[in-house]
Amino acid sequence: MRRTNFIRILTAIKLISNNVSVIENFNKKALVTVRVPEIIGDSPKQLRTLRKALSYCSYFSIKAEEGELLVTLEFNWE
């Protein structure tokens, strides 16, 4: 994946939640952690964005934590 695609995906993720932390350039990887109360795909654009983010990531994890969902996404780029 190109870094420009990663930045577009990150911008879309930041529209969903203000609580986003990103660690970049860790051996050409990026780790994104998002805390959200719920994930709802009620519009076609939201569903496409979620599918695209999951298709580009090399690893993802979704865990329930104190009334929130902790979503961890790992991206690799060239």
Protein backbone atom coordinates (compact mmCIF):
# COMPACT_ATOMS: atom_id res chain seq x y z
CA MET A 1 0.00 0.00 0.00
CA ARG A 2 1.19 3.49 -0.73
CA ARG A 3 1.55 6.04 2.02
CA THR A 4 -0.90 8.37 0.24
CA ASN A 5 -3.63 5.71 0.48
CA PHE A 6 -2.85 5.38 4.18
CA ILE A 7 -3.27 9.12 4.70
CA ARG A 8 -6.65 9.07 2.90
CA ILE A 9 -7.83 6.16 5.06
CA LEU A 10 -6.58 7.89 8.20
CA THR A 11 -8.48 11.06 7.28
CA ALA A 12 -11.67 9.01 6.88
CA ILE A 13 -11.09 7.30 10.23
CA LYS A 14 -10.65 10.68 11.93
CA LEU A 15 -14.08 11.71 10.65
CA ILE A 16 -15.58 8.86 12.66
CA SER A 17 -13.77 9.45 15.95
CA ASN A 18 -11.71 12.18 17.59
CA ASN A 19 -9.94 9.61 19.74
CA VAL A 20 -7.39 8.28 17.22
CA SER A 21 -3.75 7.58 17.94
CA VAL A 22 -1.23 6.75 15.24
CA ILE A 23 2.30 5.39 15.35
CA GLU A 24 4.04 5.68 11.97
CA ASN A 25 7.33 4.55 10.44
CA PHE A 26 7.84 1.50 12.58
CA ASN A 27 9.67 -0.68 10.03
CA LYS A 28 7.46 0.68 7.20
CA LYS A 29 4.36 0.01 9.25
CA ALA A 30 1.74 2.16 10.90
CA LEU A 31 -0.34 1.22 13.90
CA VAL A 32 -3.68 3.01 14.32
CA THR A 33 -5.74 2.77 17.49
CA VAL A 34 -9.31 4.09 17.54
CA ARG A 35 -11.65 4.26 20.53
CA VAL A 36 -15.34 4.48 19.62
CA PRO A 37 -18.52 3.74 21.56
CA GLU A 38 -20.00 1.80 18.61
CA ILE A 39 -19.46 1.06 14.95
CA ILE A 40 -22.50 1.63 12.75
CA GLY A 41 -22.51 1.43 8.97
CA ASP A 42 -25.83 3.05 8.21
CA SER A 43 -24.88 4.62 4.88
CA PRO A 44 -23.23 3.14 1.79
CA LYS A 45 -20.29 5.57 2.13
CA GLN A 46 -19.61 4.46 5.72
CA LEU A 47 -19.76 0.79 4.71
CA ARG A 48 -17.35 1.37 1.78
CA THR A 49 -14.93 3.25 4.04
CA LEU A 50 -14.97 0.49 6.66
CA ARG A 51 -14.48 -2.24 4.05
CA LYS A 52 -11.63 -0.32 2.41
CA ALA A 53 -9.86 0.25 5.74
CA LEU A 54 -10.11 -3.43 6.62
CA SER A 55 -9.00 -4.57 3.16
CA TYR A 56 -5.86 -2.40 3.27
CA CYS A 57 -4.76 -3.32 6.78
CA SER A 58 -2.49 -6.28 7.41
CA TYR A 59 -3.89 -6.90 10.90
CA PHE A 60 -6.93 -5.72 12.83
CA SER A 61 -8.36 -6.29 16.27
CA ILE A 62 -11.65 -5.13 17.81
CA LYS A 63 -12.00 -5.42 21.59
CA ALA A 64 -14.63 -4.26 24.05
CA GLU A 65 -13.11 -2.13 26.79
CA GLU A 66 -15.02 -0.18 29.48
CA GLY A 67 -18.07 0.72 27.38
CA GLU A 68 -16.01 1.44 24.26
CA LEU A 69 -14.61 -0.48 21.35
CA LEU A 70 -10.86 -0.46 20.92
CA VAL A 71 -10.07 -0.93 17.22
CA THR A 72 -6.43 -1.59 16.33
CA LEU A 73 -5.36 -1.53 12.67
CA GLU A 74 -1.87 -2.22 11.32
CA PHE A 75 -0.86 -1.02 7.85
CA ASN A 76 2.24 -1.91 5.79
CA TRP A 77 3.53 0.27 2.98
CA GLU A 78 6.33 0.24 0.46
